[in-house]
């Protein structure tokens, strides 16, 4: 199997075997510690990378609208057997708009690659690729705060510029490094601005203009030059400033909404009829309740006195002001765990078994009270939906070749 995420079902395909205990325990331990030696390199990078794509659907109106267009086309195909053309956004997805340096697809993939490289770590990736030990040691350090393995700016940029596994997916990040020659500035502002930009209808244009404003902001340059040195704390410290100083002026200039999520798209449009995604709207409410509880735990505690305590406090405090920080910083360990707990992919297909996510408890209870369904996982829904989507994809391919939609059904 090739690594893959099917947006129409929320199914992640991972070409590796998974631990048997995940069948009963779920993926919680993976999202808590994705680099555990027991999982192996493929599970860490592929499962996490494709999970990022799943989370992008809920945090990004742009991605949500692409999937909604596909969902509408699927419904039309089911009713008529006809494959409708892609909508204008989907047709433009792979092609850079005139005057812009990369396509929406490249920026979306770079967004996911940014986090999988950060989470796995450049030293581990280079080790996975069989590079000499001295190269690993040169690029890997011990974090003075935690005592765990960490990486330098040089190590991260090495991979994003042309190290093992480098591809077009890193091209937007390389472009930013070439524009600025300031690794820390790019590393801190990139995830904040790309998350914000994908809440707009034109993510590449918004991102590029916002990044230019950020780079030319003396306020942001000064703040980042005075950073703490703990990347997780620096992201949280600069989140509001980067959005306020760079993103907000751009969307105001172009008369766009400040931020629209994929969950907004699901609630308001055709994806509201999707049997799986509509239920993740409930999960967001549960997640927000968890975040409120986290904040209350720290409210009565002592005043933070060092970098580690400041980061712990900021992790609990920031989502109360902006819950989208959890989706915007999925490489932050606590947020990654929460997303894995409440927004685990609907189905993960490993080499040795298939794992389907549990449905929201409130939905199951409501159905049991009314005598409807009551399935605890998405298994039956996915088993019904998956063959239809496979037929739709075959029909799309046939039409792309100029053949009748049912060519590969004969």
Protein backbone atom coordinates (compact mmCIF):
# COMPACT_ATOMS: atom_id res chain seq x y z
CA UNK A 1 0.00 0.00 0.00
CA UNK A 2 1.10 3.55 -0.66
CA UNK A 3 0.74 6.26 2.02
CA UNK A 4 -2.52 8.04 1.38
CA UNK A 5 -5.30 10.12 2.91
CA UNK A 6 -8.77 9.83 1.36
CA UNK A 7 -10.51 13.09 2.13
CA UNK A 8 -13.98 11.79 1.34
CA UNK A 9 -13.89 9.18 4.11
CA UNK A 10 -11.24 10.41 6.53
CA UNK A 11 -9.25 7.21 5.85
CA UNK A 12 -5.47 7.13 6.33
CA UNK A 13 -3.46 4.35 4.68
CA UNK A 14 -0.11 3.50 6.29
CA UNK A 15 2.23 0.96 4.60
CA UNK A 16 3.40 -0.60 7.87
CA UNK A 17 2.19 -2.97 10.56
CA UNK A 18 0.88 -1.48 13.80
CA UNK A 19 1.16 -2.84 17.36
CA UNK A 20 -1.65 -5.26 18.09
CA UNK A 21 -2.60 -3.45 21.31
CA UNK A 22 -3.76 -0.44 19.32
CA UNK A 23 -6.72 -2.53 18.17
CA UNK A 24 -8.20 -2.29 21.66
CA UNK A 25 -6.45 0.76 23.10
CA UNK A 26 -6.66 3.09 20.09
CA UNK A 27 -4.01 5.54 18.95
CA UNK A 28 -3.69 7.58 22.14
CA UNK A 29 -0.21 6.31 22.98
CA UNK A 30 0.98 6.99 19.44
CA UNK A 31 -0.10 10.63 19.57
CA UNK A 32 1.37 10.96 23.06
CA UNK A 33 4.76 9.61 21.97
CA UNK A 34 5.00 9.24 18.16
CA UNK A 35 8.78 8.68 18.30
CA UNK A 36 8.61 5.66 20.60
CA UNK A 37 11.11 3.09 19.31
CA UNK A 38 8.39 0.43 19.40
CA UNK A 39 6.49 2.17 16.58
CA UNK A 40 9.32 2.45 14.05
CA UNK A 41 10.06 5.28 11.62
CA UNK A 42 7.29 4.64 9.08
CA UNK A 43 4.48 4.81 11.61
CA UNK A 44 5.83 8.01 13.09
CA UNK A 45 6.23 9.96 9.89
CA UNK A 46 3.44 8.57 7.70
CA UNK A 47 0.68 8.21 10.28
CA UNK A 48 1.47 11.59 11.74
CA UNK A 49 1.80 13.33 8.34
CA UNK A 50 -1.54 11.97 7.14
CA UNK A 51 -3.15 12.83 10.48
CA UNK A 52 -2.05 16.43 9.88
CA UNK A 53 -4.01 16.38 6.61
CA UNK A 54 -7.05 15.10 8.48
CA UNK A 55 -6.78 17.94 10.99
CA UNK A 56 -6.26 20.48 8.21
CA UNK A 57 -9.73 19.62 6.92
CA UNK A 58 -11.30 20.81 10.19
CA UNK A 59 -9.15 23.89 10.66
CA UNK A 60 -9.19 25.22 7.09
CA UNK A 61 -12.15 26.61 5.17
CA UNK A 62 -10.12 26.29 1.99
CA UNK A 63 -9.59 22.56 2.48
CA UNK A 64 -13.14 22.13 3.73
CA UNK A 65 -14.51 23.72 0.57
CA UNK A 66 -12.37 21.46 -1.64
CA UNK A 67 -13.75 18.41 0.15
CA UNK A 68 -17.30 19.81 0.06
CA UNK A 69 -17.00 20.22 -3.73
CA UNK A 70 -15.84 16.60 -4.02
CA UNK A 71 -18.66 15.45 -1.73
CA UNK A 72 -21.26 17.22 -3.89
CA UNK A 73 -19.76 15.62 -7.00
CA UNK A 74 -19.91 12.22 -5.32
CA UNK A 75 -23.60 12.70 -4.49
CA UNK A 76 -24.28 13.65 -8.10
CA UNK A 77 -22.40 10.56 -9.31
CA UNK A 78 -24.36 8.31 -6.96
CA UNK A 79 -27.64 9.72 -8.29
CA UNK A 80 -26.83 9.92 -12.01
CA UNK A 81 -23.66 7.98 -12.80
CA UNK A 82 -22.23 11.21 -14.24
CA UNK A 83 -18.89 12.71 -13.19
CA UNK A 84 -19.24 16.46 -12.91
CA UNK A 85 -16.16 18.65 -13.57
CA UNK A 86 -14.08 19.89 -10.67
CA UNK A 87 -15.02 23.26 -9.22
CA UNK A 88 -12.79 26.29 -9.91
CA UNK A 89 -10.84 26.03 -6.63
CA UNK A 90 -10.04 22.36 -7.21
CA UNK A 91 -8.94 23.05 -10.79
CA UNK A 92 -6.54 25.72 -9.54
CA UNK A 93 -5.28 23.67 -6.58
CA UNK A 94 -2.16 22.25 -8.29
CA UNK A 95 -1.23 25.33 -10.33
CA UNK A 96 0.41 28.50 -8.96
CA UNK A 97 -1.60 31.64 -9.64
CA UNK A 98 0.26 34.12 -11.84
CA UNK A 99 2.74 36.09 -9.77
CA UNK A 100 2.77 33.66 -6.85
CA UNK A 101 5.74 31.34 -6.15
CA UNK A 102 3.90 28.07 -5.42
CA UNK A 103 0.53 26.37 -5.59
CA UNK A 104 -2.01 25.81 -2.83
CA UNK A 105 -1.17 22.11 -2.90
CA UNK A 106 2.54 22.76 -2.39
CA UNK A 107 1.80 25.07 0.54
CA UNK A 108 -0.63 22.58 2.08
CA UNK A 109 1.88 19.75 1.81
CA UNK A 110 4.66 21.97 3.13
CA UNK A 111 2.44 22.73 6.13
CA UNK A 112 2.15 18.98 6.85
CA UNK A 113 5.85 18.33 6.11
CA UNK A 114 6.87 21.14 8.48
CA UNK A 115 5.21 19.31 11.34
CA UNK A 116 6.30 15.76 10.52
CA UNK A 117 9.95 16.85 10.27
CA UNK A 118 9.64 18.79 13.54
CA UNK A 119 8.00 15.88 15.34
CA UNK A 120 10.26 13.09 14.11
CA UNK A 121 13.34 15.34 14.37
CA UNK A 122 16.04 15.89 11.74
CA UNK A 123 18.55 13.68 13.55
CA UNK A 124 16.12 10.74 13.62
CA UNK A 125 15.15 11.22 9.97
CA UNK A 126 18.80 11.28 8.90
CA UNK A 127 19.41 8.19 11.04
CA UNK A 128 16.38 6.51 9.43
CA UNK A 129 17.88 7.23 6.02
CA UNK A 130 21.16 5.52 6.95
CA UNK A 131 23.39 8.59 7.13
CA UNK A 132 26.70 8.26 9.08
CA UNK A 133 26.60 8.63 12.86
CA UNK A 134 28.80 11.73 12.79
CA UNK A 135 26.23 13.48 10.59
CA UNK A 136 23.47 12.60 13.05
CA UNK A 137 25.56 13.79 16.00
CA UNK A 138 26.35 17.05 14.23
CA UNK A 139 22.68 17.84 13.74
CA UNK A 140 21.24 16.52 17.00
CA UNK A 141 21.67 18.13 20.43
CA UNK A 142 20.42 17.60 23.98
CA UNK A 143 17.72 20.05 25.03
CA UNK A 144 19.05 21.86 28.15
CA UNK A 145 15.53 22.15 29.62
CA UNK A 146 14.26 18.61 29.15
CA UNK A 147 17.40 16.54 28.66
CA UNK A 148 15.83 14.95 25.57
CA UNK A 149 17.16 14.95 22.02
CA UNK A 150 16.52 18.17 20.12
CA UNK A 151 17.75 19.80 16.94
CA UNK A 152 19.35 23.03 15.79
CA UNK A 153 18.13 25.52 13.20
CA UNK A 154 20.89 24.21 10.95
CA UNK A 155 19.57 20.65 11.23
CA UNK A 156 15.99 21.60 10.41
CA UNK A 157 17.00 23.76 7.46
CA UNK A 158 19.28 21.01 6.20
CA UNK A 159 16.29 18.73 5.74
CA UNK A 160 13.96 21.40 4.38
CA UNK A 161 16.56 22.63 1.90
CA UNK A 162 17.65 19.35 0.42
CA UNK A 163 18.31 16.57 2.87
CA UNK A 164 16.95 13.02 2.54
CA UNK A 165 13.32 12.92 1.54
CA UNK A 166 13.40 16.49 0.22
CA UNK A 167 10.78 17.23 -2.41
CA UNK A 168 8.50 19.89 -3.81
CA UNK A 169 6.70 19.72 -0.47
CA UNK A 170 9.50 21.78 1.08
CA UNK A 171 9.64 24.34 -1.73
CA UNK A 172 7.57 27.06 0.02
CA UNK A 173 9.76 26.76 3.11
CA UNK A 174 12.93 27.01 1.05
CA UNK A 175 11.47 30.10 -0.60
CA UNK A 176 11.00 31.73 2.82
CA UNK A 177 14.55 30.88 3.88
CA UNK A 178 15.90 32.34 0.64
CA UNK A 179 13.88 35.53 1.19
CA UNK A 180 15.07 36.11 4.75
CA UNK A 181 18.18 34.07 5.61
CA UNK A 182 16.68 34.03 9.12
CA UNK A 183 15.94 30.47 10.16
CA UNK A 184 14.33 31.20 13.54
CA UNK A 185 12.05 33.88 12.10
CA UNK A 186 10.77 31.48 9.46
CA UNK A 187 10.37 28.57 11.90
CA UNK A 188 8.31 30.66 14.33
CA UNK A 189 6.10 32.56 11.88
CA UNK A 190 5.51 29.88 9.23
CA UNK A 191 3.05 27.62 11.11
CA UNK A 192 1.07 30.57 12.48
CA UNK A 193 0.71 32.30 9.11
CA UNK A 194 0.03 29.17 7.06
CA UNK A 195 -2.71 28.05 9.47
CA UNK A 196 -4.30 31.51 9.32
CA UNK A 197 -4.00 31.76 5.53
CA UNK A 198 -5.81 28.48 4.96
CA UNK A 199 -8.78 29.96 6.78
CA UNK A 200 -9.18 32.21 3.73
CA UNK A 201 -10.32 31.51 0.14
CA UNK A 202 -6.89 32.37 -1.33
CA UNK A 203 -4.29 30.87 1.01
CA UNK A 204 -1.14 31.34 -1.06
CA UNK A 205 -1.74 35.03 -1.80
CA UNK A 206 -2.76 35.74 1.82
CA UNK A 207 0.21 33.78 3.17
CA UNK A 208 2.80 35.49 0.97
CA UNK A 209 1.50 38.98 1.65
CA UNK A 210 1.21 38.31 5.38
CA UNK A 211 4.71 36.89 5.55
CA UNK A 212 6.06 39.97 3.78
CA UNK A 213 4.32 42.16 6.39
CA UNK A 214 5.73 40.01 9.19
CA UNK A 215 9.28 40.20 7.85
CA UNK A 216 9.04 43.98 7.56
CA UNK A 217 7.59 44.41 11.06
CA UNK A 218 10.13 45.79 13.50
CA UNK A 219 7.87 44.64 16.34
CA UNK A 220 7.95 40.99 15.22
CA UNK A 221 11.62 41.07 14.27
CA UNK A 222 12.48 42.42 17.71
CA UNK A 223 10.29 39.90 19.51
CA UNK A 224 11.75 36.96 17.62
CA UNK A 225 15.31 38.20 18.09
CA UNK A 226 14.54 38.16 21.83
CA UNK A 227 12.93 34.70 21.76
CA UNK A 228 13.15 32.28 24.66
CA UNK A 229 14.93 29.54 22.73
CA UNK A 230 12.18 27.00 23.47
CA UNK A 231 10.33 26.69 20.16
CA UNK A 232 7.10 25.48 21.79
CA UNK A 233 7.02 28.54 24.06
CA UNK A 234 8.06 30.89 21.25
CA UNK A 235 5.15 29.76 19.06
CA UNK A 236 2.72 30.44 21.89
CA UNK A 237 4.33 33.77 22.81
CA UNK A 238 4.21 35.06 19.24
CA UNK A 239 0.89 33.55 18.10
CA UNK A 240 -1.31 36.61 18.74
CA UNK A 241 1.33 39.12 17.67
CA UNK A 242 2.00 37.41 14.32
CA UNK A 243 -1.71 37.17 13.54
CA UNK A 244 -2.43 40.73 14.63
CA UNK A 245 0.60 42.33 13.02
CA UNK A 246 0.73 40.38 9.74
CA UNK A 247 -2.41 38.34 9.00
CA UNK A 248 -5.24 40.64 10.13
CA UNK A 249 -4.12 43.67 8.08
CA UNK A 250 -4.01 41.52 4.92
CA UNK A 251 -7.49 40.06 5.27
CA UNK A 252 -8.88 43.48 6.20
CA UNK A 253 -7.24 44.99 3.14
CA UNK A 254 -8.92 42.40 0.93
CA UNK A 255 -12.25 42.49 2.82
CA UNK A 256 -12.05 38.84 3.87
CA UNK A 257 -13.35 37.20 7.05
CA UNK A 258 -10.74 37.07 9.80
CA UNK A 259 -10.72 33.25 9.89
CA UNK A 260 -13.10 30.55 8.68
CA UNK A 261 -12.54 26.95 9.75
CA UNK A 262 -13.33 23.70 8.02
CA UNK A 263 -15.79 22.98 10.81
CA UNK A 264 -17.66 26.14 9.78
CA UNK A 265 -17.81 24.77 6.24
CA UNK A 266 -19.15 21.42 7.50
CA UNK A 267 -21.87 23.09 9.55
CA UNK A 268 -23.01 25.47 6.82
CA UNK A 269 -22.69 23.55 3.55
CA UNK A 270 -22.96 20.25 1.74
CA UNK A 271 -20.58 18.45 4.12
CA UNK A 272 -23.29 18.78 6.74
CA UNK A 273 -24.80 15.68 5.11
CA UNK A 274 -21.54 13.73 5.42
CA UNK A 275 -22.30 10.86 7.83
CA UNK A 276 -18.88 11.08 9.49
CA UNK A 277 -17.66 14.65 9.35
CA UNK A 278 -20.82 16.15 10.79
CA UNK A 279 -20.10 14.23 13.99
CA UNK A 280 -16.65 15.79 14.41
CA UNK A 281 -18.42 19.10 15.00
CA UNK A 282 -19.53 17.56 18.31
CA UNK A 283 -15.94 16.60 19.05
CA UNK A 284 -14.84 20.22 18.79
CA UNK A 285 -17.29 21.14 21.54
CA UNK A 286 -15.91 18.36 23.72
CA UNK A 287 -12.35 19.50 22.99
CA UNK A 288 -13.21 23.05 24.07
CA UNK A 289 -14.59 21.69 27.33
CA UNK A 290 -11.32 19.85 27.91
CA UNK A 291 -9.36 23.06 27.23
CA UNK A 292 -11.46 24.95 29.78
CA UNK A 293 -10.73 22.25 32.34
CA UNK A 294 -6.98 22.49 31.57
CA UNK A 295 -7.02 26.22 32.18
CA UNK A 296 -8.84 25.85 35.53
CA UNK A 297 -6.18 23.39 36.67
CA UNK A 298 -3.48 26.03 36.29
CA UNK A 299 -5.47 29.09 37.36
CA UNK A 300 -4.92 28.56 41.06
CA UNK A 301 -1.29 27.45 40.75
CA UNK A 302 1.91 29.37 41.51
CA UNK A 303 3.28 32.05 39.19
CA UNK A 304 5.51 30.40 36.54
CA UNK A 305 9.18 30.97 37.30
CA UNK A 306 11.17 29.33 34.48
CA UNK A 307 10.89 28.48 30.79
CA UNK A 308 9.38 25.04 31.39
CA UNK A 309 6.71 26.39 33.75
CA UNK A 310 5.97 29.32 31.43
CA UNK A 311 5.45 26.93 28.54
CA UNK A 312 3.18 24.67 30.59
CA UNK A 313 1.09 27.66 31.65
CA UNK A 314 0.92 29.08 28.10
CA UNK A 315 -0.21 25.69 26.72
CA UNK A 316 -3.25 25.83 29.01
CA UNK A 317 -3.87 29.57 28.72
CA UNK A 318 -3.59 30.25 24.98
CA UNK A 319 -6.49 28.01 23.76
CA UNK A 320 -8.95 29.86 25.99
CA UNK A 321 -8.22 33.02 24.01
CA UNK A 322 -8.01 31.22 20.65
CA UNK A 323 -8.96 27.51 20.53
CA UNK A 324 -7.62 27.25 16.98
CA UNK A 325 -4.09 27.40 18.37
CA UNK A 326 -4.52 23.65 19.06
CA UNK A 327 -4.99 22.94 15.34
CA UNK A 328 -2.44 25.58 14.36
CA UNK A 329 0.33 24.04 16.49
CA UNK A 330 -0.25 20.27 16.20
CA UNK A 331 3.44 19.62 16.80
CA UNK A 332 3.11 21.00 20.33
CA UNK A 333 3.01 17.69 22.29
CA UNK A 334 -0.03 18.48 24.46
CA UNK A 335 -2.04 19.72 21.47
CA UNK A 336 -0.99 16.76 19.35
CA UNK A 337 -2.26 14.42 22.05
CA UNK A 338 -5.59 16.28 22.30
CA UNK A 339 -6.09 16.20 18.54
CA UNK A 340 -5.29 12.50 18.51
CA UNK A 341 -7.77 11.91 21.31
CA UNK A 342 -10.69 13.93 19.92
CA UNK A 343 -9.91 14.04 16.19
CA UNK A 344 -8.40 10.67 15.41
CA UNK A 345 -8.81 9.77 11.70
CA UNK A 346 -12.07 7.98 11.01
CA UNK A 347 -10.20 4.92 9.73
CA UNK A 348 -6.53 3.94 9.64
CA UNK A 349 -5.63 1.06 7.35
CA UNK A 350 -2.40 -0.65 8.42
CA UNK A 351 -0.76 -3.63 6.76
CA UNK A 352 -2.01 -5.97 9.47
CA UNK A 353 -5.45 -4.57 10.37
CA UNK A 354 -7.93 -1.71 10.05
CA UNK A 355 -8.64 0.58 13.00
CA UNK A 356 -11.85 2.62 13.02
CA UNK A 357 -12.38 5.61 15.31
CA UNK A 358 -14.99 5.63 18.04
CA UNK A 359 -17.96 7.90 17.45
CA UNK A 360 -18.82 10.72 19.89
CA UNK A 361 -20.39 9.29 23.01
CA UNK A 362 -23.26 11.77 22.89
CA UNK A 363 -24.26 10.59 19.41
CA UNK A 364 -24.25 6.94 20.47
CA UNK A 365 -26.37 7.72 23.53
CA UNK A 366 -28.88 9.73 21.51
CA UNK A 367 -29.26 6.89 19.00
CA UNK A 368 -29.61 4.24 21.69
CA UNK A 369 -32.42 6.26 23.29
CA UNK A 370 -34.28 6.63 20.01
CA UNK A 371 -33.58 3.10 18.78
CA UNK A 372 -31.49 4.31 15.83
CA UNK A 373 -28.14 2.81 14.90
CA UNK A 374 -26.07 3.06 18.02
CA UNK A 375 -22.82 1.92 16.34
CA UNK A 376 -19.86 2.80 18.55
CA UNK A 377 -17.41 3.17 15.65
CA UNK A 378 -17.57 4.36 12.05
CA UNK A 379 -17.05 0.84 10.70
CA UNK A 380 -20.47 0.24 9.14
CA UNK A 381 -20.63 3.75 7.66
CA UNK A 382 -17.15 3.41 6.15
CA UNK A 383 -17.85 -0.09 4.84
CA UNK A 384 -20.83 1.34 2.98
CA UNK A 385 -19.16 4.53 1.78
CA UNK A 386 -15.75 3.17 0.72
CA UNK A 387 -16.92 1.05 -2.28
CA UNK A 388 -18.93 3.99 -3.62
CA UNK A 389 -15.89 6.28 -3.42
CA UNK A 390 -13.72 3.70 -5.15
CA UNK A 391 -16.25 3.55 -7.99
CA UNK A 392 -16.29 7.34 -8.13
CA UNK A 393 -12.48 7.52 -8.33
CA UNK A 394 -12.42 4.92 -11.10
CA UNK A 395 -15.07 6.88 -12.99
CA UNK A 396 -13.09 10.12 -12.52
CA UNK A 397 -10.02 8.43 -13.94
CA UNK A 398 -11.94 7.07 -16.91
CA UNK A 399 -13.39 10.50 -17.71
CA UNK A 400 -9.92 12.07 -17.40
CA UNK A 401 -8.83 9.69 -20.20
CA UNK A 402 -11.76 10.75 -22.37
CA UNK A 403 -13.58 7.46 -21.79
CA UNK A 404 -17.12 6.76 -20.50
CA UNK A 405 -17.45 6.92 -16.71
CA UNK A 406 -18.28 3.21 -16.42
CA UNK A 407 -15.27 2.04 -18.47
CA UNK A 408 -13.51 0.32 -15.57
CA UNK A 409 -16.72 -1.25 -14.27
CA UNK A 410 -17.12 -3.43 -17.33
